[in-house]
Amino acid sequence: RRCIGFSGGGFALLNEIHTLGLFPIEHESVHILFNHAVAHSKSQFFAEGIVQYFEHSRDSSAYERDLGIARKNLDQPIMKWIIGKKDFWDAPKDDWITVTYPISGVFVRYVIDKYGFLAFKEFYKKTENGSTVTVEEAFENTFSSKLADDVAEFIAVTG
């Protein structure tokens, strides 16, 4: 594995981390580890959400920050970001962060709290790149619940 540092953002590509600065290395490392342990999801929303979830597990103040940002942005097209009908990065910013990051992390925590981590991993595997199963189908097949219903419940309980 190779880390290439420059100077604020980054991405994980296979086993390489490319960053602009040191801050994103931990974030991108979680992508690599989770991708290898579970799957490489075609859903950017869940791929970023699981990384945010791990950040929340490490730092409770990060969860409080992200929950506050999510609460201010519950009117955004969350369902469209989840199913890929709207680009994950096509979102407003809250100070320095694109609001999809905190929203996805808080939503992933909601899903894991409701259904359990093992079920979430099963769902995540079903969304693997190259799979013909849609995110909505994978969600319903795993959790026996419609994704749109859980998004609506998430908005109601988070707001």
N, C-alpha and C. Protein backbone atom coordinates (compact mmCIF):
# COMPACT_ATOMS: atom_id res chain seq x y z
N ARG A 1 0.85 -1.18 0.00
CA ARG A 1 0.00 0.00 0.00
C ARG A 1 0.88 1.23 0.00
N ARG A 2 0.44 2.23 -0.71
CA ARG A 2 1.26 3.42 -0.89
C ARG A 2 0.44 4.65 -0.57
N CYS A 3 0.96 5.55 0.20
CA CYS A 3 0.29 6.82 0.51
C CYS A 3 1.04 7.94 -0.18
N ILE A 4 0.30 8.76 -0.87
CA ILE A 4 0.91 9.90 -1.54
C ILE A 4 0.30 11.15 -0.95
N GLY A 5 1.05 11.95 -0.25
CA GLY A 5 0.52 13.14 0.39
C GLY A 5 0.85 14.40 -0.39
N PHE A 6 -0.07 15.33 -0.45
CA PHE A 6 0.17 16.63 -1.07
C PHE A 6 -0.25 17.68 -0.05
N SER A 7 -1.30 18.41 -0.21
CA SER A 7 -1.71 19.34 0.83
C SER A 7 -3.21 19.54 0.97
N GLY A 8 -5.18 18.53 1.28
CA GLY A 8 -6.56 18.65 1.73
C GLY A 8 -7.58 17.86 1.00
N GLY A 9 -7.93 16.75 0.75
CA GLY A 9 -8.91 15.86 0.18
C GLY A 9 -8.18 14.62 -0.22
N GLY A 10 -8.90 13.65 -0.66
CA GLY A 10 -8.21 12.43 -1.07
C GLY A 10 -9.16 11.40 -1.61
N PHE A 11 -8.59 10.30 -2.07
CA PHE A 11 -9.38 9.17 -2.51
C PHE A 11 -8.56 7.90 -2.39
N ALA A 12 -9.27 6.79 -2.22
CA ALA A 12 -8.64 5.47 -2.18
C ALA A 12 -8.90 4.81 -3.52
N LEU A 13 -7.86 4.31 -4.13
CA LEU A 13 -7.97 3.63 -5.42
C LEU A 13 -7.27 2.29 -5.27
N LEU A 14 -8.06 1.22 -5.27
CA LEU A 14 -7.55 -0.12 -5.01
C LEU A 14 -6.82 -0.12 -3.67
N ASN A 15 -5.52 -0.29 -3.67
CA ASN A 15 -4.75 -0.31 -2.41
C ASN A 15 -3.92 0.95 -2.24
N GLU A 16 -4.22 1.98 -2.97
CA GLU A 16 -3.45 3.23 -2.88
C GLU A 16 -4.32 4.33 -2.30
N ILE A 17 -3.69 5.18 -1.51
CA ILE A 17 -4.37 6.35 -0.97
C ILE A 17 -3.71 7.57 -1.59
N HIS A 18 -4.51 8.42 -2.18
CA HIS A 18 -4.01 9.67 -2.76
C HIS A 18 -4.67 10.80 -1.98
N THR A 19 -3.88 11.69 -1.40
CA THR A 19 -4.45 12.75 -0.59
C THR A 19 -3.81 14.08 -0.88
N LEU A 20 -4.55 15.09 -0.50
CA LEU A 20 -4.03 16.44 -0.45
C LEU A 20 -3.97 16.79 1.03
N GLY A 21 -2.88 16.51 1.67
CA GLY A 21 -2.71 16.74 3.10
C GLY A 21 -2.83 15.46 3.89
N LEU A 22 -2.55 15.53 5.19
CA LEU A 22 -2.54 14.36 6.04
C LEU A 22 -3.92 13.99 6.58
N PHE A 23 -4.80 14.96 6.74
CA PHE A 23 -6.12 14.72 7.34
C PHE A 23 -6.88 13.56 6.69
N PRO A 24 -6.92 13.46 5.36
CA PRO A 24 -7.76 12.42 4.74
C PRO A 24 -7.18 11.01 4.81
N ILE A 25 -5.95 10.83 5.27
CA ILE A 25 -5.35 9.49 5.23
C ILE A 25 -6.15 8.50 6.06
N GLU A 26 -6.57 8.89 7.27
CA GLU A 26 -7.36 7.98 8.11
C GLU A 26 -8.68 7.64 7.42
N HIS A 27 -9.34 8.63 6.87
CA HIS A 27 -10.62 8.43 6.17
C HIS A 27 -10.45 7.45 5.01
N GLU A 28 -9.45 7.69 4.19
CA GLU A 28 -9.23 6.83 3.02
C GLU A 28 -8.78 5.44 3.42
N SER A 29 -8.05 5.32 4.52
CA SER A 29 -7.63 4.01 5.02
C SER A 29 -8.83 3.15 5.40
N VAL A 30 -9.85 3.77 6.00
CA VAL A 30 -11.06 3.02 6.35
C VAL A 30 -11.73 2.49 5.09
N HIS A 31 -11.75 3.28 4.02
CA HIS A 31 -12.30 2.78 2.75
C HIS A 31 -11.58 1.51 2.33
N ILE A 32 -10.28 1.55 2.30
CA ILE A 32 -9.51 0.40 1.85
C ILE A 32 -9.78 -0.80 2.74
N LEU A 33 -9.74 -0.62 4.05
CA LEU A 33 -9.95 -1.74 4.97
C LEU A 33 -11.36 -2.30 4.84
N PHE A 34 -12.39 -1.45 4.79
CA PHE A 34 -13.76 -1.94 4.70
C PHE A 34 -14.02 -2.57 3.33
N ASN A 35 -13.46 -1.99 2.28
CA ASN A 35 -13.63 -2.56 0.94
C ASN A 35 -13.06 -3.98 0.89
N HIS A 36 -11.90 -4.19 1.51
CA HIS A 36 -11.28 -5.51 1.49
C HIS A 36 -11.99 -6.48 2.42
N ALA A 37 -12.47 -6.01 3.55
CA ALA A 37 -13.13 -6.88 4.51
C ALA A 37 -14.56 -7.24 4.11
N VAL A 38 -15.26 -6.32 3.44
CA VAL A 38 -16.66 -6.54 3.14
C VAL A 38 -16.92 -6.51 1.64
N ALA A 39 -16.80 -5.35 1.03
CA ALA A 39 -17.06 -5.19 -0.41
C ALA A 39 -16.77 -3.75 -0.78
N HIS A 40 -16.72 -3.50 -2.07
CA HIS A 40 -16.58 -2.13 -2.59
C HIS A 40 -17.95 -1.74 -3.12
N SER A 41 -18.69 -0.98 -2.33
CA SER A 41 -20.07 -0.63 -2.67
C SER A 41 -20.14 0.31 -3.86
N LYS A 42 -21.14 0.08 -4.71
CA LYS A 42 -21.40 1.01 -5.81
C LYS A 42 -22.13 2.25 -5.33
N SER A 43 -22.60 2.22 -4.07
CA SER A 43 -23.31 3.37 -3.51
C SER A 43 -22.33 4.29 -2.79
N GLN A 44 -22.05 5.43 -3.38
CA GLN A 44 -21.15 6.38 -2.75
C GLN A 44 -21.68 6.82 -1.40
N PHE A 45 -23.00 6.92 -1.29
CA PHE A 45 -23.63 7.33 -0.03
C PHE A 45 -23.26 6.37 1.10
N PHE A 46 -23.38 5.07 0.85
CA PHE A 46 -23.06 4.10 1.90
C PHE A 46 -21.55 3.92 2.06
N ALA A 47 -20.79 4.05 0.98
CA ALA A 47 -19.33 3.95 1.09
C ALA A 47 -18.78 5.06 1.97
N GLU A 48 -19.27 6.28 1.80
CA GLU A 48 -18.81 7.39 2.65
C GLU A 48 -19.47 7.32 4.02
N GLY A 49 -20.71 6.86 4.07
CA GLY A 49 -21.43 6.78 5.34
C GLY A 49 -20.77 5.83 6.33
N ILE A 50 -20.26 4.69 5.84
CA ILE A 50 -19.63 3.74 6.77
C ILE A 50 -18.33 4.33 7.32
N VAL A 51 -17.62 5.10 6.51
CA VAL A 51 -16.40 5.75 7.00
C VAL A 51 -16.76 6.78 8.07
N GLN A 52 -17.79 7.57 7.83
CA GLN A 52 -18.23 8.54 8.83
C GLN A 52 -18.67 7.82 10.11
N TYR A 53 -19.36 6.70 9.96
CA TYR A 53 -19.80 5.90 11.11
C TYR A 53 -18.60 5.51 11.97
N PHE A 54 -17.52 5.06 11.34
CA PHE A 54 -16.34 4.68 12.10
C PHE A 54 -15.70 5.90 12.75
N GLU A 55 -15.75 7.05 12.08
CA GLU A 55 -15.24 8.27 12.71
C GLU A 55 -16.09 8.61 13.94
N HIS A 56 -17.38 8.45 13.85
CA HIS A 56 -18.27 8.71 14.98
C HIS A 56 -17.97 7.77 16.14
N SER A 57 -17.62 6.52 15.82
CA SER A 57 -17.30 5.54 16.86
C SER A 57 -16.01 5.91 17.58
N ARG A 58 -15.12 6.55 16.87
CA ARG A 58 -13.83 6.95 17.44
C ARG A 58 -13.92 8.27 18.18
N ASP A 59 -14.81 9.15 17.71
CA ASP A 59 -14.86 10.51 18.25
C ASP A 59 -16.32 10.95 18.36
N SER A 60 -16.89 10.90 19.57
CA SER A 60 -18.30 11.24 19.73
C SER A 60 -18.60 12.69 19.36
N SER A 61 -17.62 13.57 19.45
CA SER A 61 -17.87 14.96 19.05
C SER A 61 -18.09 15.06 17.54
N ALA A 62 -17.49 14.15 16.77
CA ALA A 62 -17.72 14.12 15.33
C ALA A 62 -19.17 13.74 15.04
N TYR A 63 -19.71 12.81 15.83
CA TYR A 63 -21.12 12.45 15.65
C TYR A 63 -22.03 13.63 15.97
N GLU A 64 -21.75 14.32 17.05
CA GLU A 64 -22.58 15.48 17.42
C GLU A 64 -22.51 16.56 16.34
N ARG A 65 -21.33 16.78 15.80
CA ARG A 65 -21.16 17.75 14.71
C ARG A 65 -22.00 17.33 13.50
N ASP A 66 -21.86 16.05 13.11
CA ASP A 66 -22.56 15.56 11.92
C ASP A 66 -24.06 15.51 12.13
N LEU A 67 -24.51 15.16 13.33
CA LEU A 67 -25.94 15.16 13.62
C LEU A 67 -26.52 16.57 13.48
N GLY A 68 -25.80 17.57 13.96
CA GLY A 68 -26.24 18.95 13.82
C GLY A 68 -26.35 19.37 12.37
N ILE A 69 -25.36 18.98 11.55
CA ILE A 69 -25.39 19.30 10.13
C ILE A 69 -26.54 18.56 9.45
N ALA A 70 -26.71 17.29 9.78
CA ALA A 70 -27.81 16.51 9.18
C ALA A 70 -29.16 17.14 9.51
N ARG A 71 -29.34 17.53 10.76
CA ARG A 71 -30.63 18.13 11.16
C ARG A 71 -30.95 19.39 10.38
N LYS A 72 -29.92 20.17 10.04
CA LYS A 72 -30.14 21.41 9.28
C LYS A 72 -30.42 21.14 7.81
N ASN A 73 -30.19 19.90 7.35
CA ASN A 73 -30.27 19.61 5.93
C ASN A 73 -31.21 18.45 5.59
N LEU A 74 -32.18 18.19 6.43
CA LEU A 74 -33.11 17.10 6.19
C LEU A 74 -34.05 17.37 5.02
N ASP A 75 -34.07 18.61 4.52
CA ASP A 75 -34.89 18.94 3.36
C ASP A 75 -34.16 18.64 2.04
N GLN A 76 -32.95 18.18 2.12
CA GLN A 76 -32.16 17.87 0.92
C GLN A 76 -32.65 16.54 0.32
N PRO A 77 -32.27 16.24 -0.93
CA PRO A 77 -32.75 15.03 -1.62
C PRO A 77 -31.99 13.77 -1.18
N ILE A 78 -32.17 13.39 0.07
CA ILE A 78 -31.43 12.27 0.66
C ILE A 78 -31.65 10.98 -0.13
N MET A 79 -32.89 10.68 -0.45
CA MET A 79 -33.19 9.44 -1.18
C MET A 79 -32.47 9.42 -2.53
N LYS A 80 -32.43 10.54 -3.22
CA LYS A 80 -31.75 10.59 -4.53
C LYS A 80 -30.25 10.35 -4.38
N TRP A 81 -29.65 10.87 -3.30
CA TRP A 81 -28.22 10.60 -3.07
C TRP A 81 -28.00 9.12 -2.76
N ILE A 82 -28.90 8.55 -1.97
CA ILE A 82 -28.74 7.14 -1.58
C ILE A 82 -28.78 6.23 -2.80
N ILE A 83 -29.73 6.44 -3.69
CA ILE A 83 -29.89 5.52 -4.83
C ILE A 83 -29.07 5.94 -6.04
N GLY A 84 -28.34 7.04 -5.93
CA GLY A 84 -27.46 7.46 -7.01
C GLY A 84 -28.13 8.25 -8.11
N LYS A 85 -29.34 8.74 -7.88
CA LYS A 85 -30.01 9.58 -8.88
C LYS A 85 -29.50 11.01 -8.84
N LYS A 86 -28.79 11.35 -7.78
CA LYS A 86 -28.14 12.65 -7.65
C LYS A 86 -26.73 12.38 -7.15
N ASP A 87 -25.77 13.01 -7.79
CA ASP A 87 -24.37 12.79 -7.45
C ASP A 87 -24.10 13.14 -5.98
N PHE A 88 -23.37 12.28 -5.30
CA PHE A 88 -23.06 12.46 -3.88
C PHE A 88 -22.43 13.82 -3.60
N TRP A 89 -21.58 14.29 -4.49
CA TRP A 89 -20.88 15.56 -4.27
C TRP A 89 -21.67 16.77 -4.77
N ASP A 90 -22.82 16.54 -5.38
CA ASP A 90 -23.69 17.62 -5.81
C ASP A 90 -24.59 18.00 -4.63
N ALA A 91 -23.98 18.69 -3.68
CA ALA A 91 -24.66 19.00 -2.42
C ALA A 91 -24.10 20.30 -1.86
N PRO A 92 -24.89 20.97 -1.04
CA PRO A 92 -24.38 22.19 -0.40
C PRO A 92 -23.28 21.86 0.61
N LYS A 93 -22.55 22.87 0.97
CA LYS A 93 -21.52 22.72 2.00
C LYS A 93 -21.99 23.39 3.28
N ASP A 94 -21.55 22.85 4.39
CA ASP A 94 -21.74 23.45 5.70
C ASP A 94 -20.35 23.77 6.19
N ASP A 95 -19.97 25.03 6.11
CA ASP A 95 -18.60 25.44 6.41
C ASP A 95 -17.67 24.74 5.42
N TRP A 96 -16.91 23.77 5.85
CA TRP A 96 -15.91 23.13 4.99
C TRP A 96 -16.35 21.77 4.46
N ILE A 97 -17.48 21.23 4.95
CA ILE A 97 -17.82 19.85 4.60
C ILE A 97 -19.07 19.80 3.71
N THR A 98 -19.02 18.96 2.69
CA THR A 98 -20.18 18.70 1.87
C THR A 98 -21.19 17.95 2.72
N VAL A 99 -22.44 18.41 2.78
CA VAL A 99 -23.41 17.89 3.75
C VAL A 99 -23.74 16.41 3.55
N THR A 100 -23.45 15.85 2.41
CA THR A 100 -23.72 14.43 2.20
C THR A 100 -22.87 13.56 3.12
N TYR A 101 -21.67 14.00 3.46
CA TYR A 101 -20.83 13.20 4.37
C TYR A 101 -21.50 13.03 5.73
N PRO A 102 -21.84 14.12 6.42
CA PRO A 102 -22.49 13.94 7.72
C PRO A 102 -23.84 13.24 7.62
N ILE A 103 -24.64 13.56 6.59
CA ILE A 103 -25.95 12.92 6.46
C ILE A 103 -25.77 11.42 6.27
N SER A 104 -24.84 11.02 5.42
CA SER A 104 -24.64 9.58 5.17
C SER A 104 -24.16 8.87 6.43
N GLY A 105 -23.28 9.50 7.19
CA GLY A 105 -22.79 8.87 8.42
C GLY A 105 -23.89 8.71 9.46
N VAL A 106 -24.71 9.72 9.61
CA VAL A 106 -25.80 9.66 10.59
C VAL A 106 -26.84 8.63 10.12
N PHE A 107 -27.10 8.55 8.81
CA PHE A 107 -28.05 7.57 8.30
C PHE A 107 -27.52 6.15 8.47
N VAL A 108 -26.24 5.94 8.19
CA VAL A 108 -25.65 4.61 8.38
C VAL A 108 -25.75 4.21 9.86
N ARG A 109 -25.50 5.14 10.76
CA ARG A 109 -25.65 4.83 12.19
C ARG A 109 -27.10 4.46 12.51
N TYR A 110 -28.06 5.18 11.93
CA TYR A 110 -29.47 4.85 12.12
C TYR A 110 -29.74 3.41 11.66
N VAL A 111 -29.25 3.05 10.48
CA VAL A 111 -29.47 1.71 9.92
C VAL A 111 -28.82 0.65 10.81
N ILE A 112 -27.58 0.88 11.22
CA ILE A 112 -26.88 -0.09 12.07
C ILE A 112 -27.56 -0.21 13.43
N ASP A 113 -27.96 0.90 14.01
CA ASP A 113 -28.66 0.85 15.30
C ASP A 113 -29.97 0.08 15.19
N LYS A 114 -30.66 0.24 14.06
CA LYS A 114 -31.97 -0.40 13.88
C LYS A 114 -31.86 -1.88 13.52
N TYR A 115 -30.90 -2.23 12.64
CA TYR A 115 -30.86 -3.59 12.10
C TYR A 115 -29.63 -4.39 12.54
N GLY A 116 -28.62 -3.74 13.06
CA GLY A 116 -27.41 -4.44 13.50
C GLY A 116 -26.29 -4.35 12.47
N PHE A 117 -25.07 -4.47 12.98
CA PHE A 117 -23.90 -4.32 12.11
C PHE A 117 -23.75 -5.49 11.14
N LEU A 118 -24.04 -6.71 11.59
CA LEU A 118 -23.92 -7.87 10.69
C LEU A 118 -24.90 -7.77 9.53
N ALA A 119 -26.12 -7.33 9.80
CA ALA A 119 -27.09 -7.15 8.72
C ALA A 119 -26.64 -6.04 7.78
N PHE A 120 -26.06 -4.96 8.34
CA PHE A 120 -25.56 -3.88 7.49
C PHE A 120 -24.46 -4.41 6.55
N LYS A 121 -23.54 -5.22 7.08
CA LYS A 121 -22.49 -5.78 6.23
C LYS A 121 -23.08 -6.65 5.12
N GLU A 122 -24.11 -7.43 5.45
CA GLU A 122 -24.79 -8.25 4.43
C GLU A 122 -25.38 -7.35 3.34
N PHE A 123 -26.06 -6.28 3.75
CA PHE A 123 -26.61 -5.32 2.80
C PHE A 123 -25.50 -4.72 1.94
N TYR A 124 -24.43 -4.27 2.57
CA TYR A 124 -23.32 -3.61 1.88
C TYR A 124 -22.74 -4.52 0.81
N LYS A 125 -22.59 -5.82 1.13
CA LYS A 125 -22.07 -6.79 0.15
C LYS A 125 -22.96 -6.86 -1.08
N LYS A 126 -24.27 -6.75 -0.86
CA LYS A 126 -25.21 -6.83 -1.98
C LYS A 126 -25.13 -5.62 -2.90
N THR A 127 -24.51 -4.52 -2.42
CA THR A 127 -24.39 -3.31 -3.24
C THR A 127 -23.02 -3.23 -3.92
N GLU A 128 -22.31 -4.34 -3.94
CA GLU A 128 -20.96 -4.35 -4.50
C GLU A 128 -20.95 -3.90 -5.95
N ASN A 129 -19.87 -3.18 -6.32
CA ASN A 129 -19.68 -2.76 -7.71
C ASN A 129 -19.86 -3.96 -8.62
N GLY A 130 -20.57 -3.78 -9.71
CA GLY A 130 -20.79 -4.86 -10.67
C GLY A 130 -22.06 -5.65 -10.40
N SER A 131 -22.64 -5.50 -9.22
CA SER A 131 -23.88 -6.19 -8.90
C SER A 131 -25.02 -5.57 -9.70
N THR A 132 -25.94 -6.41 -10.15
CA THR A 132 -27.10 -5.90 -10.88
C THR A 132 -28.25 -5.53 -9.93
N VAL A 133 -28.08 -5.83 -8.65
CA VAL A 133 -29.09 -5.50 -7.65
C VAL A 133 -29.00 -4.01 -7.35
N THR A 134 -30.14 -3.32 -7.34
CA THR A 134 -30.13 -1.90 -7.00
C THR A 134 -29.97 -1.75 -5.48
N VAL A 135 -29.63 -0.56 -5.07
CA VAL A 135 -29.50 -0.27 -3.64
C VAL A 135 -30.85 -0.51 -2.94
N GLU A 136 -31.93 -0.08 -3.59
CA GLU A 136 -33.26 -0.28 -3.01
C GLU A 136 -33.60 -1.76 -2.86
N GLU A 137 -33.28 -2.56 -3.88
CA GLU A 137 -33.54 -4.01 -3.80
C GLU A 137 -32.69 -4.65 -2.71
N ALA A 138 -31.43 -4.27 -2.65
CA ALA A 138 -30.54 -4.84 -1.62
C ALA A 138 -31.04 -4.49 -0.22
N PHE A 139 -31.51 -3.26 -0.06
CA PHE A 139 -32.02 -2.83 1.24
C PHE A 139 -33.24 -3.66 1.63
N GLU A 140 -34.20 -3.77 0.72
CA GLU A 140 -35.42 -4.50 1.01
C GLU A 140 -35.14 -5.99 1.23
N ASN A 141 -34.26 -6.57 0.41
CA ASN A 141 -33.92 -7.99 0.55
C ASN A 141 -33.22 -8.28 1.87
N THR A 142 -32.43 -7.35 2.35
CA THR A 142 -31.69 -7.56 3.59
C THR A 142 -32.53 -7.27 4.82
N PHE A 143 -33.19 -6.14 4.82
CA PHE A 143 -33.87 -5.67 6.03
C PHE A 143 -35.39 -5.89 6.03
N SER A 144 -35.94 -6.42 4.92
CA SER A 144 -37.40 -6.60 4.79
C SER A 144 -38.14 -5.31 5.08
N SER A 145 -37.58 -4.21 4.58
CA SER A 145 -38.16 -2.89 4.76
C SER A 145 -37.86 -2.08 3.51
N LYS A 146 -38.77 -1.22 3.14
CA LYS A 146 -38.54 -0.36 1.98
C LYS A 146 -37.60 0.78 2.38
N LEU A 147 -36.61 1.03 1.54
CA LEU A 147 -35.64 2.08 1.79
C LEU A 147 -36.34 3.43 1.98
N ALA A 148 -37.32 3.74 1.15
CA ALA A 148 -38.02 5.02 1.25
C ALA A 148 -38.71 5.17 2.61
N ASP A 149 -39.22 4.07 3.16
CA ASP A 149 -39.86 4.13 4.48
C ASP A 149 -38.82 4.42 5.56
N ASP A 150 -37.66 3.80 5.46
CA ASP A 150 -36.61 4.06 6.44
C ASP A 150 -36.05 5.46 6.31
N VAL A 151 -35.95 5.97 5.11
CA VAL A 151 -35.50 7.36 4.93
C VAL A 151 -36.51 8.30 5.58
N ALA A 152 -37.78 8.07 5.37
CA ALA A 152 -38.81 8.92 5.97
C ALA A 152 -38.76 8.84 7.49
N GLU A 153 -38.57 7.64 8.02
CA GLU A 153 -38.47 7.47 9.48
C GLU A 153 -37.22 8.16 10.01
N PHE A 154 -36.11 8.02 9.29
CA PHE A 154 -34.86 8.68 9.67
C PHE A 154 -35.05 10.19 9.78
N ILE A 155 -35.69 10.75 8.77
CA ILE A 155 -35.94 12.21 8.77
C ILE A 155 -36.81 12.59 9.95
N ALA A 156 -37.84 11.79 10.24
CA ALA A 156 -38.75 12.10 11.33
C ALA A 156 -38.06 12.01 12.69
N VAL A 157 -37.25 10.98 12.90
CA VAL A 157 -36.62 10.82 14.22
C VAL A 157 -35.40 11.71 14.39
N THR A 158 -34.76 12.10 13.29
CA THR A 158 -33.57 12.94 13.37
C THR A 158 -33.95 14.39 13.56
N GLY A 159 -35.03 14.81 12.90
CA GLY A 159 -35.45 16.21 12.96
C GLY A 159 -35.98 16.53 14.30
